[in-house]
Amino acid sequence: MRWIYMLGLTLFFASCANDQEVKLRDFVKNKHNLPDLKKHNGLNHTWTMSRWFTKQDASDPYLYPDLKGLCSARRNIGYTIESLNLYMTIEDFNQEELEEIHFLQDKGTIYASLKQHYLDRLEASNSYSLFRHSIPQTVKNRHGFKIQWYHLSLEPLEDYYTSGNGFLAVMQRRNEFVVIQWYGSEIANAYVADDFKRILQNFD
């Protein structure tokens, strides 16, 4: 699994230039927040995020980038704001998947094993870049999910790759576990940590 190829894409796609310019102007006008919030739903969950996100079937092998490659759970969905080069996946784990990850990671809890599983995968997928992550940060969720999230960064070791950023959140409510990943260019992610946290705060 690699996310360097997604981050290496140029932010300024010629085919999306007009849409990108409009969205960037609206983004600035909205005090660097993604606008037009609405309630989304999928995988028996609901959350609030910008209407700009469009659903992208993470399991579709013909789509680029391959969001399926980011996912460990069979139940997953993907979203993108293509003109801004932002990509997000949401995964909901079954018990068999959790037990396998917990067995392989052998951490004290399933929650700890799941966090380590994703950090290990991300680091292993980027042998030509320096992968860093923040210490885990806690977000208070209004529906009872326990949530810790990381800010991720990618510093290329070769000049022809670009730097990138992302977020990873691991969520638990009783025996239910959800992982949300968000990736994009460094430019695209410069102001959107609060947008990501809003999703986590309202996730149900």
C-alpha atoms as a PDB file:
ATOM      1  CA  MET A   1       0.000   0.000   0.000  1.00  0.00           C
ATOM      2  CA  ARG A   2       1.399   3.362  -1.034  1.00  0.00           C
ATOM      3  CA  TRP A   3       0.118   6.899  -0.659  1.00  0.00           C
ATOM      4  CA  ILE A   4       3.158   8.630  -2.117  1.00  0.00           C
ATOM      5  CA  TYR A   5       1.712   8.343  -5.616  1.00  0.00           C
ATOM      6  CA  MET A   6      -1.374  10.277  -4.513  1.00  0.00           C
ATOM      7  CA  LEU A   7       0.654  12.995  -2.885  1.00  0.00           C
ATOM      8  CA  GLY A   8       2.930  13.273  -5.891  1.00  0.00           C
ATOM      9  CA  LEU A   9       0.048  14.329  -8.112  1.00  0.00           C
ATOM     10  CA  THR A  10       0.128  17.979  -8.987  1.00  0.00           C
ATOM     11  CA  LEU A  11      -2.523  20.056  -7.283  1.00  0.00           C
ATOM     12  CA  PHE A  12      -3.269  22.028 -10.435  1.00  0.00           C
ATOM     13  CA  PHE A  13      -4.996  19.634 -12.818  1.00  0.00           C
ATOM     14  CA  ALA A  14      -5.632  21.381 -16.134  1.00  0.00           C
ATOM     15  CA  SER A  15      -9.050  19.761 -16.472  1.00  0.00           C
ATOM     16  CA  CYS A  16     -10.089  21.030 -13.041  1.00  0.00           C
ATOM     17  CA  ALA A  17      -8.516  24.485 -13.174  1.00  0.00           C
ATOM     18  CA  ASN A  18     -11.743  26.483 -13.267  1.00  0.00           C
ATOM     19  CA  ASP A  19     -13.426  24.439 -10.568  1.00  0.00           C
ATOM     20  CA  GLN A  20     -10.300  24.647  -8.459  1.00  0.00           C
ATOM     21  CA  GLU A  21     -10.098  28.416  -8.733  1.00  0.00           C
ATOM     22  CA  VAL A  22     -13.743  28.790  -7.700  1.00  0.00           C
ATOM     23  CA  LYS A  23     -13.334  26.420  -4.763  1.00  0.00           C
ATOM     24  CA  LEU A  24     -10.156  28.099  -3.561  1.00  0.00           C
ATOM     25  CA  ARG A  25     -11.870  31.510  -3.602  1.00  0.00           C
ATOM     26  CA  ASP A  26     -14.857  30.123  -1.676  1.00  0.00           C
ATOM     27  CA  PHE A  27     -12.485  28.400   0.744  1.00  0.00           C
ATOM     28  CA  VAL A  28     -10.705  31.680   1.524  1.00  0.00           C
ATOM     29  CA  LYS A  29     -13.998  33.574   1.839  1.00  0.00           C
ATOM     30  CA  ASN A  30     -15.162  30.960   4.343  1.00  0.00           C
ATOM     31  CA  LYS A  31     -12.159  31.718   6.603  1.00  0.00           C
ATOM     32  CA  HIS A  32     -10.215  28.707   5.309  1.00  0.00           C
ATOM     33  CA  ASN A  33     -12.969  26.234   6.156  1.00  0.00           C
ATOM     34  CA  LEU A  34     -14.567  23.875   3.654  1.00  0.00           C
ATOM     35  CA  PRO A  35     -18.069  25.301   3.083  1.00  0.00           C
ATOM     36  CA  ASP A  36     -21.579  23.960   2.534  1.00  0.00           C
ATOM     37  CA  LEU A  37     -21.752  21.468   5.382  1.00  0.00           C
ATOM     38  CA  LYS A  38     -24.260  18.642   5.118  1.00  0.00           C
ATOM     39  CA  LYS A  39     -24.962  15.335   6.824  1.00  0.00           C
ATOM     40  CA  HIS A  40     -23.488  12.329   5.045  1.00  0.00           C
ATOM     41  CA  ASN A  41     -24.121   8.663   5.761  1.00  0.00           C
ATOM     42  CA  GLY A  42     -22.606   5.301   4.947  1.00  0.00           C
ATOM     43  CA  LEU A  43     -21.616   1.986   6.564  1.00  0.00           C
ATOM     44  CA  ASN A  44     -24.485   2.588   9.049  1.00  0.00           C
ATOM     45  CA  HIS A  45     -22.832   5.803  10.270  1.00  0.00           C
ATOM     46  CA  THR A  46     -23.559   9.521   9.876  1.00  0.00           C
ATOM     47  CA  TRP A  47     -21.255  12.536  10.006  1.00  0.00           C
ATOM     48  CA  THR A  48     -21.071  16.175   8.894  1.00  0.00           C
ATOM     49  CA  MET A  49     -18.723  17.430   6.197  1.00  0.00           C
ATOM     50  CA  SER A  50     -18.615  19.677   3.137  1.00  0.00           C
ATOM     51  CA  ARG A  51     -20.863  19.037   0.133  1.00  0.00           C
ATOM     52  CA  TRP A  52     -17.724  19.381  -1.960  1.00  0.00           C
ATOM     53  CA  PHE A  53     -16.817  15.797  -1.116  1.00  0.00           C
ATOM     54  CA  THR A  54     -18.167  13.323  -3.644  1.00  0.00           C
ATOM     55  CA  LYS A  55     -18.431   9.619  -3.008  1.00  0.00           C
ATOM     56  CA  GLN A  56     -15.843   7.433  -4.670  1.00  0.00           C
ATOM     57  CA  ASP A  57     -16.194   3.671  -4.449  1.00  0.00           C
ATOM     58  CA  ALA A  58     -12.960   2.627  -2.771  1.00  0.00           C
ATOM     59  CA  SER A  59     -13.435  -0.900  -4.116  1.00  0.00           C
ATOM     60  CA  ASP A  60     -13.600   0.172  -7.778  1.00  0.00           C
ATOM     61  CA  PRO A  61     -10.339  -1.114  -9.358  1.00  0.00           C
ATOM     62  CA  TYR A  62     -10.616   1.300 -12.288  1.00  0.00           C
ATOM     63  CA  LEU A  63     -10.523   4.519 -10.305  1.00  0.00           C
ATOM     64  CA  TYR A  64      -7.366   6.535  -9.757  1.00  0.00           C
ATOM     65  CA  PRO A  65      -6.051   6.913  -7.177  1.00  0.00           C
ATOM     66  CA  ASP A  66      -6.718   3.444  -5.802  1.00  0.00           C
ATOM     67  CA  LEU A  67      -8.386   4.222  -2.471  1.00  0.00           C
ATOM     68  CA  LYS A  68      -8.860   0.500  -1.831  1.00  0.00           C
ATOM     69  CA  GLY A  69      -5.100   0.239  -1.334  1.00  0.00           C
ATOM     70  CA  LEU A  70      -5.395   2.479   1.725  1.00  0.00           C
ATOM     71  CA  CYS A  71      -7.970   0.264   3.427  1.00  0.00           C
ATOM     72  CA  SER A  72      -7.603  -2.793   5.660  1.00  0.00           C
ATOM     73  CA  ALA A  73     -11.310  -3.411   6.303  1.00  0.00           C
ATOM     74  CA  ARG A  74     -13.557  -4.978   3.691  1.00  0.00           C
ATOM     75  CA  ARG A  75     -16.327  -2.520   4.565  1.00  0.00           C
ATOM     76  CA  ASN A  76     -15.084   0.838   3.335  1.00  0.00           C
ATOM     77  CA  ILE A  77     -16.095   3.932   1.407  1.00  0.00           C
ATOM     78  CA  GLY A  78     -14.105   6.716  -0.206  1.00  0.00           C
ATOM     79  CA  TYR A  79     -14.681  10.436  -0.793  1.00  0.00           C
ATOM     80  CA  THR A  80     -12.761  13.024  -2.770  1.00  0.00           C
ATOM     81  CA  ILE A  81     -12.595  16.705  -3.600  1.00  0.00           C
ATOM     82  CA  GLU A  82     -10.742  16.020  -6.817  1.00  0.00           C
ATOM     83  CA  SER A  83     -10.001  19.600  -7.825  1.00  0.00           C
ATOM     84  CA  LEU A  84      -8.309  20.199  -4.448  1.00  0.00           C
ATOM     85  CA  ASN A  85      -6.548  16.825  -4.451  1.00  0.00           C
ATOM     86  CA  LEU A  86      -8.158  15.688  -1.178  1.00  0.00           C
ATOM     87  CA  TYR A  87      -9.029  12.050  -0.516  1.00  0.00           C
ATOM     88  CA  MET A  88     -10.732  10.393   2.451  1.00  0.00           C
ATOM     89  CA  THR A  89     -11.581   6.806   3.362  1.00  0.00           C
ATOM     90  CA  ILE A  90     -13.827   5.455   6.123  1.00  0.00           C
ATOM     91  CA  GLU A  91     -13.558   1.827   7.279  1.00  0.00           C
ATOM     92  CA  ASP A  92     -15.745  -0.224   9.608  1.00  0.00           C
ATOM     93  CA  PHE A  93     -14.136  -3.404  10.954  1.00  0.00           C
ATOM     94  CA  ASN A  94     -15.696  -6.783  11.650  1.00  0.00           C
ATOM     95  CA  GLN A  95     -14.580  -8.986  14.528  1.00  0.00           C
ATOM     96  CA  GLU A  96     -12.497 -11.336  12.393  1.00  0.00           C
ATOM     97  CA  GLU A  97     -10.470  -8.462  10.941  1.00  0.00           C
ATOM     98  CA  LEU A  98      -9.918  -6.975  14.391  1.00  0.00           C
ATOM     99  CA  GLU A  99      -8.756 -10.273  15.869  1.00  0.00           C
ATOM    100  CA  GLU A 100      -6.272 -10.801  13.022  1.00  0.00           C
ATOM    101  CA  ILE A 101      -4.762  -7.312  13.432  1.00  0.00           C
ATOM    102  CA  HIS A 102      -4.651  -7.696  17.208  1.00  0.00           C
ATOM    103  CA  PHE A 103      -2.886 -11.059  16.873  1.00  0.00           C
ATOM    104  CA  LEU A 104      -0.268  -9.686  14.481  1.00  0.00           C
ATOM    105  CA  GLN A 105       0.424  -6.462  16.408  1.00  0.00           C
ATOM    106  CA  ASP A 106       0.126  -8.041  19.870  1.00  0.00           C
ATOM    107  CA  LYS A 107      -0.540  -4.756  21.656  1.00  0.00           C
ATOM    108  CA  GLY A 108      -2.414  -4.604  24.950  1.00  0.00           C
ATOM    109  CA  THR A 109      -5.778  -3.762  23.379  1.00  0.00           C
ATOM    110  CA  ILE A 110      -7.448  -4.036  19.996  1.00  0.00           C
ATOM    111  CA  TYR A 111      -7.534  -0.243  19.898  1.00  0.00           C
ATOM    112  CA  ALA A 112      -3.764   0.023  20.410  1.00  0.00           C
ATOM    113  CA  SER A 113      -3.116  -2.722  17.849  1.00  0.00           C
ATOM    114  CA  LEU A 114      -5.277  -0.984  15.260  1.00  0.00           C
ATOM    115  CA  LYS A 115      -3.418   2.316  15.668  1.00  0.00           C
ATOM    116  CA  GLN A 116      -0.044   0.618  15.353  1.00  0.00           C
ATOM    117  CA  HIS A 117      -1.188  -1.392  12.353  1.00  0.00           C
ATOM    118  CA  TYR A 118      -1.893   1.749  10.343  1.00  0.00           C
ATOM    119  CA  LEU A 119       1.248   3.578  11.396  1.00  0.00           C
ATOM    120  CA  ASP A 120       3.352   0.533  10.448  1.00  0.00           C
ATOM    121  CA  ARG A 121       1.639   0.216   7.052  1.00  0.00           C
ATOM    122  CA  LEU A 122       2.142   3.873   6.244  1.00  0.00           C
ATOM    123  CA  GLU A 123       5.798   3.832   7.214  1.00  0.00           C
ATOM    124  CA  ALA A 124       6.492   0.624   5.282  1.00  0.00           C
ATOM    125  CA  SER A 125       4.790   1.975   2.161  1.00  0.00           C
ATOM    126  CA  ASN A 126       7.130   4.928   1.810  1.00  0.00           C
ATOM    127  CA  SER A 127      10.669   3.611   1.523  1.00  0.00           C
ATOM    128  CA  TYR A 128      11.704   6.611  -0.613  1.00  0.00           C
ATOM    129  CA  SER A 129      10.338   9.196   1.800  1.00  0.00           C
ATOM    130  CA  LEU A 130      10.667  10.131   5.437  1.00  0.00           C
ATOM    131  CA  PHE A 131       7.369   9.367   7.161  1.00  0.00           C
ATOM    132  CA  ARG A 132       6.497  11.210  10.374  1.00  0.00           C
ATOM    133  CA  HIS A 133       3.433  11.327  12.580  1.00  0.00           C
ATOM    134  CA  SER A 134       2.424  13.480  15.512  1.00  0.00           C
ATOM    135  CA  ILE A 135       1.719  12.165  18.981  1.00  0.00           C
ATOM    136  CA  PRO A 136      -1.890  10.964  19.207  1.00  0.00           C
ATOM    137  CA  GLN A 137      -4.373  13.717  19.929  1.00  0.00           C
ATOM    138  CA  THR A 138      -7.797  13.208  21.483  1.00  0.00           C
ATOM    139  CA  VAL A 139     -11.042  14.563  20.077  1.00  0.00           C
ATOM    140  CA  LYS A 140     -14.232  14.690  22.127  1.00  0.00           C
ATOM    141  CA  ASN A 141     -17.017  13.023  20.168  1.00  0.00           C
ATOM    142  CA  ARG A 142     -20.590  13.977  21.006  1.00  0.00           C
ATOM    143  CA  HIS A 143     -21.893  10.445  20.400  1.00  0.00           C
ATOM    144  CA  GLY A 144     -19.593   8.502  22.683  1.00  0.00           C
ATOM    145  CA  PHE A 145     -16.784   7.401  20.373  1.00  0.00           C
ATOM    146  CA  LYS A 146     -13.290   7.248  21.805  1.00  0.00           C
ATOM    147  CA  ILE A 147     -11.094   8.951  19.198  1.00  0.00           C
ATOM    148  CA  GLN A 148      -7.386   9.517  18.772  1.00  0.00           C
ATOM    149  CA  TRP A 149      -5.985  11.083  15.643  1.00  0.00           C
ATOM    150  CA  TYR A 150      -2.575  11.749  14.128  1.00  0.00           C
ATOM    151  CA  HIS A 151      -1.224  14.347  11.770  1.00  0.00           C
ATOM    152  CA  LEU A 152       0.908  12.622   9.122  1.00  0.00           C
ATOM    153  CA  SER A 153       3.647  14.122   6.984  1.00  0.00           C
ATOM    154  CA  LEU A 154       5.785  12.826   4.167  1.00  0.00           C
ATOM    155  CA  GLU A 155       9.159  14.341   3.345  1.00  0.00           C
ATOM    156  CA  PRO A 156      10.546  12.991   0.054  1.00  0.00           C
ATOM    157  CA  LEU A 157      14.135  11.818  -0.146  1.00  0.00           C
ATOM    158  CA  GLU A 158      14.208  12.375  -3.917  1.00  0.00           C
ATOM    159  CA  ASP A 159      13.657  15.714  -5.656  1.00  0.00           C
ATOM    160  CA  TYR A 160      11.032  14.411  -8.085  1.00  0.00           C
ATOM    161  CA  TYR A 161       8.561  13.560  -5.293  1.00  0.00           C
ATOM    162  CA  THR A 162       6.492  16.212  -3.530  1.00  0.00           C
ATOM    163  CA  SER A 163       5.842  16.535   0.178  1.00  0.00           C
ATOM    164  CA  GLY A 164       2.445  15.590   1.533  1.00  0.00           C
ATOM    165  CA  ASN A 165       0.219  15.620   4.539  1.00  0.00           C
ATOM    166  CA  GLY A 166      -2.605  13.601   5.946  1.00  0.00           C
ATOM    167  CA  PHE A 167      -4.624  12.626   8.993  1.00  0.00           C
ATOM    168  CA  LEU A 168      -5.417   9.288  10.581  1.00  0.00           C
ATOM    169  CA  ALA A 169      -8.148   8.735  13.183  1.00  0.00           C
ATOM    170  CA  VAL A 170      -8.944   5.528  15.068  1.00  0.00           C
ATOM    171  CA  MET A 171     -12.372   5.387  16.701  1.00  0.00           C
ATOM    172  CA  GLN A 172     -14.019   2.992  19.161  1.00  0.00           C
ATOM    173  CA  ARG A 173     -17.490   2.793  20.641  1.00  0.00           C
ATOM    174  CA  ARG A 174     -17.891  -0.343  22.739  1.00  0.00           C
ATOM    175  CA  ASN A 175     -17.010  -3.219  20.339  1.00  0.00           C
ATOM    176  CA  GLU A 176     -17.250  -1.087  17.205  1.00  0.00           C
ATOM    177  CA  PHE A 177     -14.081   0.203  15.512  1.00  0.00           C
ATOM    178  CA  VAL A 178     -13.804   2.744  12.682  1.00  0.00           C
ATOM    179  CA  VAL A 179     -10.738   4.205  10.938  1.00  0.00           C
ATOM    180  CA  ILE A 180     -10.809   7.434   8.925  1.00  0.00           C
ATOM    181  CA  GLN A 181      -7.897   8.465   6.709  1.00  0.00           C
ATOM    182  CA  TRP A 182      -7.524  11.796   4.881  1.00  0.00           C
ATOM    183  CA  TYR A 183      -4.701  12.508   2.412  1.00  0.00           C
ATOM    184  CA  GLY A 184      -3.704  15.302   0.080  1.00  0.00           C
ATOM    185  CA  SER A 185      -0.934  17.639  -0.879  1.00  0.00           C
ATOM    186  CA  GLU A 186       0.791  19.810   1.686  1.00  0.00           C
ATOM    187  CA  ILE A 187      -0.880  22.864   0.163  1.00  0.00           C
ATOM    188  CA  ALA A 188      -4.328  21.301   0.216  1.00  0.00           C
ATOM    189  CA  ASN A 189      -4.021  20.233   3.842  1.00  0.00           C
ATOM    190  CA  ALA A 190      -2.520  23.460   5.184  1.00  0.00           C
ATOM    191  CA  TYR A 191      -5.766  24.727   6.719  1.00  0.00           C
ATOM    192  CA  VAL A 192      -8.118  21.759   7.036  1.00  0.00           C
ATOM    193  CA  ALA A 193      -7.250  20.076  10.344  1.00  0.00           C
ATOM    194  CA  ASP A 194     -10.315  21.733  11.876  1.00  0.00           C
ATOM    195  CA  ASP A 195     -12.481  20.346   9.052  1.00  0.00           C
ATOM    196  CA  PHE A 196     -11.187  16.867   9.813  1.00  0.00           C
ATOM    197  CA  LYS A 197     -11.812  17.308  13.536  1.00  0.00           C
ATOM    198  CA  ARG A 198     -15.374  18.439  12.809  1.00  0.00           C
ATOM    199  CA  ILE A 199     -16.022  15.113  11.082  1.00  0.00           C
ATOM    200  CA  LEU A 200     -14.667  13.275  14.119  1.00  0.00           C
ATOM    201  CA  GLN A 201     -16.677  15.327  16.593  1.00  0.00           C
ATOM    202  CA  ASN A 202     -19.973  14.646  14.803  1.00  0.00           C
ATOM    203  CA  PHE A 203     -19.367  11.043  13.742  1.00  0.00           C
ATOM    204  CA  ASP A 204     -22.093   8.634  14.858  1.00  0.00           C
END
